[in-house]
Amino acid sequence: MQLQSLSQGLWPVMLTPFSYNNKVDLKSLKELTEFYIQSGSSGLFANCLSSEMFQLTESERLQIVSTVVKIASKYKLNVAATGTFSTDMTESADFIKKVFDTGVAAVVIISNQLGHIEDDETVVKKNLEKLIKHTKNIPLGIYECPYPYKRLVSPSLIKWMEQTQVFYYMKDTSCNPLAIEKKVAAIKGTRFSLYNANTATALSSLEMGASGLSPIGANFYPELYKYMLDNYRKKEKKESLQKLNDRLNVMEGIASKCYPYSAKLFLQSRKLNLTTQCRIQHENMRTEDYINLKSLEAMRCSVMEEFDIKSQK
C-alpha cells in the first residue's frame, strides 16, 4: 500500500548509545526508542547527525535502523532514516534500497551529498533525478544536514521535489522564519511534510503550517515539545506557549554545548541506562558546563510543573 503521508508532530533526531568499548549498544537503543515513543513522539528520525551517522559503518547503520523500526512498528509509528553517504548517485541509490528494506517509511537524502559546495541547484536537481530514477518509487526525504557543510534547499526546488510524488519528509535547518514560511507555502496541502529543527522558530513555524518539530532538545525533554505541538492551535494557549518557546530557546543554549555527549549525560540523570560514550568529536565539558547541565535538569522539572506536563522518567 502506498504511503499517504507522514504523521505530524514530534520527530526526535535519535541518539546512538555506545558501550564503553565503543560498540553499538542495542539494549540501550531499545530503551531509548521506547523513551522517545512513550514521551509522545509521532515519528522517529534514525541514523541522522545526532546518531553520529558519519562515524557508523554501513552494517551498523542498517542494524540501528532495523532495531528502531522493529520497535516503532509495534506502535504503528513511522521511521525515517538517512540513506546517502556518497556523492556518487549510483552508490547512494544502492544504499537507499538497503535502508528501505529495513522497513522505514522514507529514506532521507542529505542535501549536501547532492553537489559540491560551489555547485548550484541545477546540479542538485540533476542528481535528485538520478536518485529517483534508480530508486523507483521508494519514498524519500531531504535533510539540510549541517555537516560537512549546510546546503539549504530553495522553495522552488522543494516544489519540484513534491511534484515528483516520491518526497514525504523534509528536515529544515534554515533557522529562518521567512525561509520556512516560503518552503511551507511551496508544499502546502501536499504529502510532503516539513519538520523544523530549530527551537527558536518552533512555535512560529507551526503557526505557518510546518508539520512538526525535530530539534536536538527532544533528546533532553521531548515532553515539552510534545506539549507545544498538542496545544499550539488553541488561542487561549498562545501567550503561555510563547513563554514555553522562550524557555526552550534559552535551555537549548545549554543543551547544545558538548552535544551529543551532553544529551547522553542528561538522559542518565533521567534514569536511562546508556553510557556517555560518543564517536563524534565534541568539546570537552568544563566544570561550569556540568553545573549548567544540572541547572538544565532543574529547569526541565520546573517547566514541567508549571505547565502540568507529565514525565516518563
Protein backbone atom coordinates (compact mmCIF):
# COMPACT_ATOMS: atom_id res chain seq x y z
CA MET A 1 0.00 0.00 0.00
CA GLN A 2 1.36 3.41 -0.96
CA LEU A 3 2.34 5.76 1.84
CA GLN A 4 -0.14 8.63 2.01
CA SER A 5 1.73 10.98 4.33
CA LEU A 6 3.86 11.01 7.48
CA SER A 7 2.49 11.79 10.92
CA GLN A 8 2.50 15.37 12.09
CA GLY A 9 4.14 16.10 15.42
CA LEU A 10 7.45 15.43 17.15
CA TRP A 11 10.21 13.58 15.28
CA PRO A 12 13.27 13.28 17.55
CA VAL A 13 16.70 13.12 15.94
CA MET A 14 17.79 9.90 17.59
CA LEU A 15 20.99 9.34 19.53
CA THR A 16 23.07 6.19 19.18
CA PRO A 17 24.07 4.60 22.51
CA PHE A 18 27.52 3.01 22.60
CA SER A 19 29.01 0.66 25.16
CA TYR A 20 32.21 1.65 26.96
CA ASN A 21 34.17 -0.43 24.44
CA ASN A 22 32.64 1.73 21.66
CA LYS A 23 30.24 -0.86 20.24
CA VAL A 24 26.63 -0.02 19.34
CA ASP A 25 24.58 -0.80 22.45
CA LEU A 26 21.38 -2.33 21.11
CA LYS A 27 19.87 -2.91 24.56
CA SER A 28 20.19 0.78 25.41
CA LEU A 29 18.96 1.72 21.92
CA LYS A 30 15.77 -0.26 22.52
CA GLU A 31 15.21 1.50 25.85
CA LEU A 32 15.91 4.88 24.28
CA THR A 33 13.49 4.20 21.43
CA GLU A 34 10.77 3.32 23.93
CA PHE A 35 11.53 6.53 25.81
CA TYR A 36 11.01 8.65 22.70
CA ILE A 37 7.76 6.87 21.93
CA GLN A 38 6.36 6.97 25.46
CA SER A 39 7.22 10.68 25.62
CA GLY A 40 4.83 11.37 22.76
CA SER A 41 6.84 11.14 19.56
CA SER A 42 4.85 10.91 16.35
CA GLY A 43 7.76 9.50 14.33
CA LEU A 44 11.49 8.89 14.63
CA PHE A 45 14.45 10.10 12.58
CA ALA A 46 17.10 7.39 12.94
CA ASN A 47 20.61 7.38 11.50
CA CYS A 48 20.94 11.17 11.46
CA LEU A 49 23.68 13.57 12.56
CA SER A 50 22.66 13.23 16.22
CA SER A 51 23.01 9.47 15.71
CA GLU A 52 26.68 10.05 14.81
CA MET A 53 25.86 8.58 11.41
CA PHE A 54 29.17 9.53 9.80
CA GLN A 55 31.00 7.57 12.50
CA LEU A 56 29.00 4.38 11.88
CA THR A 57 29.78 1.56 9.48
CA GLU A 58 27.24 0.60 6.83
CA SER A 59 26.28 -2.55 8.73
CA GLU A 60 25.87 -0.58 11.98
CA ARG A 61 23.60 1.93 10.26
CA LEU A 62 21.37 -0.84 8.97
CA GLN A 63 21.39 -2.64 12.31
CA ILE A 64 20.39 0.51 14.18
CA VAL A 65 17.61 1.39 11.74
CA SER A 66 16.25 -2.18 11.76
CA THR A 67 16.17 -2.19 15.57
CA VAL A 68 14.30 1.12 15.71
CA VAL A 69 11.82 0.08 13.02
CA LYS A 70 11.02 -3.16 14.82
CA ILE A 71 10.08 -1.31 18.00
CA ALA A 72 8.30 1.60 16.30
CA SER A 73 6.19 -0.75 14.20
CA LYS A 74 4.58 -2.12 17.35
CA TYR A 75 3.18 1.35 17.93
CA LYS A 76 2.47 1.95 14.23
CA LEU A 77 4.97 4.81 14.17
CA ASN A 78 6.86 5.79 11.04
CA VAL A 79 10.64 5.89 10.95
CA ALA A 80 12.77 7.94 8.56
CA ALA A 81 16.48 7.23 8.17
CA THR A 82 19.38 8.68 6.20
CA GLY A 83 20.43 6.71 3.13
CA THR A 84 23.06 8.78 1.32
CA PHE A 85 26.72 8.84 2.31
CA SER A 86 28.33 9.40 -1.06
CA THR A 87 28.35 11.97 -3.85
CA ASP A 88 28.19 9.01 -6.25
CA MET A 89 24.48 8.72 -7.03
CA THR A 90 24.65 5.04 -8.03
CA GLU A 91 26.32 4.18 -4.75
CA SER A 92 23.81 6.30 -2.84
CA ALA A 93 20.87 4.67 -4.64
CA ASP A 94 22.14 1.22 -3.68
CA PHE A 95 22.26 2.14 0.00
CA ILE A 96 18.86 3.84 -0.17
CA LYS A 97 17.44 0.48 -1.25
CA LYS A 98 19.13 -1.29 1.66
CA VAL A 99 17.76 1.23 4.15
CA PHE A 100 14.28 0.97 2.67
CA ASP A 101 14.41 -2.80 3.04
CA THR A 102 14.62 -2.36 6.83
CA GLY A 103 11.00 -1.19 6.79
CA VAL A 104 11.38 2.58 7.10
CA ALA A 105 8.59 4.81 5.82
CA ALA A 106 11.01 7.12 4.00
CA VAL A 107 14.72 7.20 3.21
CA VAL A 108 16.32 10.59 3.73
CA ILE A 109 18.77 12.22 1.32
CA ILE A 110 21.42 14.55 2.74
CA SER A 111 21.23 17.76 0.72
CA ASN A 112 24.99 18.38 0.82
CA GLN A 113 25.65 14.98 -0.81
CA LEU A 114 23.89 16.20 -3.96
CA GLY A 115 26.67 18.52 -5.04
CA HIS A 116 29.89 20.21 -4.03
CA ILE A 117 29.73 23.42 -2.07
CA GLU A 118 30.36 25.50 -5.20
CA ASP A 119 27.63 23.77 -7.26
CA ASP A 120 24.28 25.48 -7.83
CA GLU A 121 20.84 23.87 -7.67
CA THR A 122 20.89 22.72 -11.28
CA VAL A 123 23.49 20.14 -10.21
CA VAL A 124 21.42 19.23 -7.17
CA LYS A 125 18.31 18.74 -9.29
CA LYS A 126 20.15 16.54 -11.81
CA ASN A 127 21.45 14.34 -9.02
CA LEU A 128 17.99 14.10 -7.50
CA GLU A 129 16.66 12.98 -10.86
CA LYS A 130 19.34 10.27 -10.98
CA LEU A 131 18.44 9.06 -7.49
CA ILE A 132 14.72 8.98 -8.24
CA LYS A 133 15.36 7.05 -11.44
CA HIS A 134 17.46 4.42 -9.67
CA THR A 135 15.28 4.09 -6.57
CA LYS A 136 11.97 3.89 -8.46
CA ASN A 137 9.07 4.67 -6.12
CA ILE A 138 10.89 4.47 -2.79
CA PRO A 139 9.52 7.24 -0.52
CA LEU A 140 12.22 9.84 0.08
CA GLY A 141 13.06 12.75 2.33
CA ILE A 142 15.56 15.61 2.30
CA TYR A 143 17.74 16.75 5.20
CA GLU A 144 19.62 20.04 5.31
CA CYS A 145 22.41 18.44 7.33
CA PRO A 146 24.91 20.99 8.72
CA TYR A 147 27.90 18.69 8.14
CA PRO A 148 30.19 18.64 6.17
CA TYR A 149 28.56 21.87 5.01
CA LYS A 150 25.00 23.15 5.12
CA ARG A 151 23.15 23.22 1.80
CA LEU A 152 19.75 24.85 2.16
CA VAL A 153 17.09 23.89 -0.37
CA SER A 154 15.13 26.61 -2.15
CA PRO A 155 11.30 26.76 -2.15
CA SER A 156 11.28 26.30 -5.94
CA LEU A 157 13.32 23.09 -5.72
CA ILE A 158 11.11 21.85 -2.88
CA LYS A 159 8.05 22.45 -5.05
CA TRP A 160 9.66 20.45 -7.87
CA MET A 161 10.52 17.66 -5.42
CA GLU A 162 6.90 17.48 -4.29
CA GLN A 163 5.75 17.17 -7.90
CA THR A 164 7.86 14.02 -8.32
CA GLN A 165 5.39 12.39 -5.90
CA VAL A 166 8.13 10.50 -4.03
CA PHE A 167 9.08 13.05 -1.36
CA TYR A 168 7.42 12.91 2.05
CA TYR A 169 9.85 14.26 4.64
CA MET A 170 11.94 17.39 4.96
CA LYS A 171 14.08 18.39 7.93
CA ASP A 172 14.56 22.14 7.69
CA THR A 173 17.64 23.65 9.35
CA SER A 174 17.45 27.15 7.90
CA CYS A 175 16.58 28.68 11.32
CA ASN A 176 14.93 31.46 9.30
CA PRO A 177 11.19 32.23 9.70
CA LEU A 178 10.90 33.81 6.25
CA ALA A 179 12.61 30.82 4.58
CA ILE A 180 10.43 28.37 6.49
CA GLU A 181 7.28 30.25 5.53
CA LYS A 182 8.19 30.11 1.83
CA LYS A 183 9.04 26.41 1.98
CA VAL A 184 5.83 25.54 3.79
CA ALA A 185 3.83 27.55 1.24
CA ALA A 186 5.51 25.65 -1.61
CA ILE A 187 4.23 22.28 -0.34
CA LYS A 188 1.03 23.31 1.42
CA GLY A 189 -1.72 20.72 1.14
CA THR A 190 0.57 18.00 -0.24
CA ARG A 191 2.04 14.78 1.13
CA PHE A 192 5.44 16.50 1.51
CA SER A 193 5.87 17.46 5.18
CA LEU A 194 8.33 19.95 6.69
CA TYR A 195 9.74 19.38 10.18
CA ASN A 196 11.63 22.26 11.80
CA ALA A 197 14.92 21.54 13.59
CA ASN A 198 15.21 24.99 15.15
CA THR A 199 13.81 25.68 18.63
CA ALA A 200 13.89 29.48 18.33
CA THR A 201 11.39 29.34 15.45
CA ALA A 202 9.48 26.27 16.69
CA LEU A 203 6.15 27.87 17.57
CA SER A 204 6.13 30.33 14.68
CA SER A 205 6.88 27.53 12.20
CA LEU A 206 3.92 25.51 13.48
CA GLU A 207 1.67 28.54 13.07
CA MET A 208 2.97 28.87 9.49
CA GLY A 209 1.93 25.31 8.75
CA ALA A 210 5.01 23.18 9.44
CA SER A 211 4.07 19.55 10.04
CA GLY A 212 6.18 19.19 13.15
CA LEU A 213 9.40 19.65 15.05
CA SER A 214 12.70 17.79 15.03
CA PRO A 215 15.03 19.63 17.46
CA ILE A 216 18.02 18.35 19.44
CA GLY A 217 16.11 19.40 22.56
CA ALA A 218 13.89 16.36 22.04
CA ASN A 219 16.89 14.32 23.20
CA PHE A 220 16.64 16.03 26.59
CA TYR A 221 12.96 16.81 27.27
CA PRO A 222 10.71 15.59 24.43
CA GLU A 223 7.62 16.07 26.60
CA LEU A 224 7.99 19.85 26.46
CA TYR A 225 7.92 19.90 22.67
CA LYS A 226 5.04 17.43 22.67
CA TYR A 227 3.07 19.83 24.86
CA MET A 228 3.70 22.68 22.44
CA LEU A 229 2.62 20.56 19.49
CA ASP A 230 -0.56 19.46 21.26
CA ASN A 231 -1.60 22.99 22.15
CA TYR A 232 -0.35 25.44 19.52
CA ARG A 233 -3.74 25.65 17.76
CA LYS A 234 -5.51 26.73 20.96
CA LYS A 235 -5.84 30.51 21.00
CA GLU A 236 -6.05 30.68 24.78
CA LYS A 237 -2.65 28.96 25.00
CA LYS A 238 -0.81 31.31 22.66
CA GLU A 239 0.76 33.54 25.32
CA SER A 240 1.81 30.64 27.55
CA LEU A 241 3.21 28.69 24.59
CA GLN A 242 5.33 31.66 23.57
CA LYS A 243 6.63 31.70 27.12
CA LEU A 244 7.42 27.99 26.81
CA ASN A 245 9.16 28.53 23.46
CA ASP A 246 11.26 31.31 25.00
CA ARG A 247 12.28 28.97 27.83
CA LEU A 248 13.15 26.16 25.43
CA ASN A 249 15.24 28.52 23.33
CA VAL A 250 17.32 29.58 26.34
CA MET A 251 17.57 25.97 27.56
CA GLU A 252 18.91 24.83 24.19
CA GLY A 253 21.88 27.16 24.63
CA ILE A 254 22.97 24.85 27.45
CA ALA A 255 21.85 21.63 25.77
CA SER A 256 23.85 22.28 22.60
CA LYS A 257 27.20 22.57 24.42
CA CYS A 258 29.32 19.42 24.03
CA TYR A 259 26.47 17.71 22.17
CA PRO A 260 25.71 14.77 21.87
CA TYR A 261 27.74 13.92 24.99
CA SER A 262 25.59 16.42 26.90
CA ALA A 263 22.39 14.69 25.80
CA LYS A 264 23.61 11.27 26.89
CA LEU A 265 24.72 12.63 30.26
CA PHE A 266 21.39 14.40 30.67
CA LEU A 267 19.45 11.23 29.89
CA GLN A 268 21.47 9.43 32.55
CA SER A 269 20.08 11.96 35.05
CA ARG A 270 16.65 10.96 33.77
CA LYS A 271 17.48 7.34 34.71
CA LEU A 272 18.03 5.95 31.23
CA ASN A 273 20.62 3.20 31.04
CA LEU A 274 23.12 4.45 28.48
CA THR A 275 26.74 5.49 28.60
CA THR A 276 28.10 8.89 27.61
CA GLN A 277 30.39 7.24 25.05
CA CYS A 278 30.50 9.14 21.74
CA ARG A 279 32.36 8.58 18.48
CA ILE A 280 31.84 12.08 17.19
CA GLN A 281 34.26 14.80 18.23
CA HIS A 282 32.81 17.26 20.72
CA GLU A 283 34.04 19.93 23.09
CA ASN A 284 35.28 18.79 26.47
CA MET A 285 32.89 19.55 29.31
CA ARG A 286 34.20 22.12 31.75
CA THR A 287 33.17 22.33 35.39
CA GLU A 288 30.72 25.13 34.60
CA ASP A 289 29.18 23.01 31.81
CA TYR A 290 28.40 20.24 34.29
CA ILE A 291 26.87 22.80 36.63
CA ASN A 292 24.81 24.25 33.79
CA LEU A 293 23.57 20.80 32.83
CA LYS A 294 22.36 20.23 36.40
CA SER A 295 20.61 23.59 36.20
CA LEU A 296 19.03 22.46 32.92
CA GLU A 297 17.52 19.44 34.68
CA ALA A 298 16.15 21.71 37.40
CA MET A 299 14.67 23.98 34.70
CA ARG A 300 13.09 20.98 32.98
CA CYS A 301 11.39 19.93 36.21
CA SER A 302 10.25 23.49 36.90
CA VAL A 303 8.77 23.95 33.43
CA MET A 304 7.01 20.58 33.58
CA GLU A 305 5.48 21.51 36.91
CA GLU A 306 4.46 24.98 35.72
CA PHE A 307 2.71 23.63 32.62
CA ASP A 308 1.46 20.46 34.34
CA ILE A 309 3.30 18.18 31.92
CA LYS A 310 3.70 14.53 32.87
CA SER A 311 7.12 12.90 32.74
CA GLN A 312 8.01 9.39 31.57
CA LYS A 313 11.21 9.32 33.62
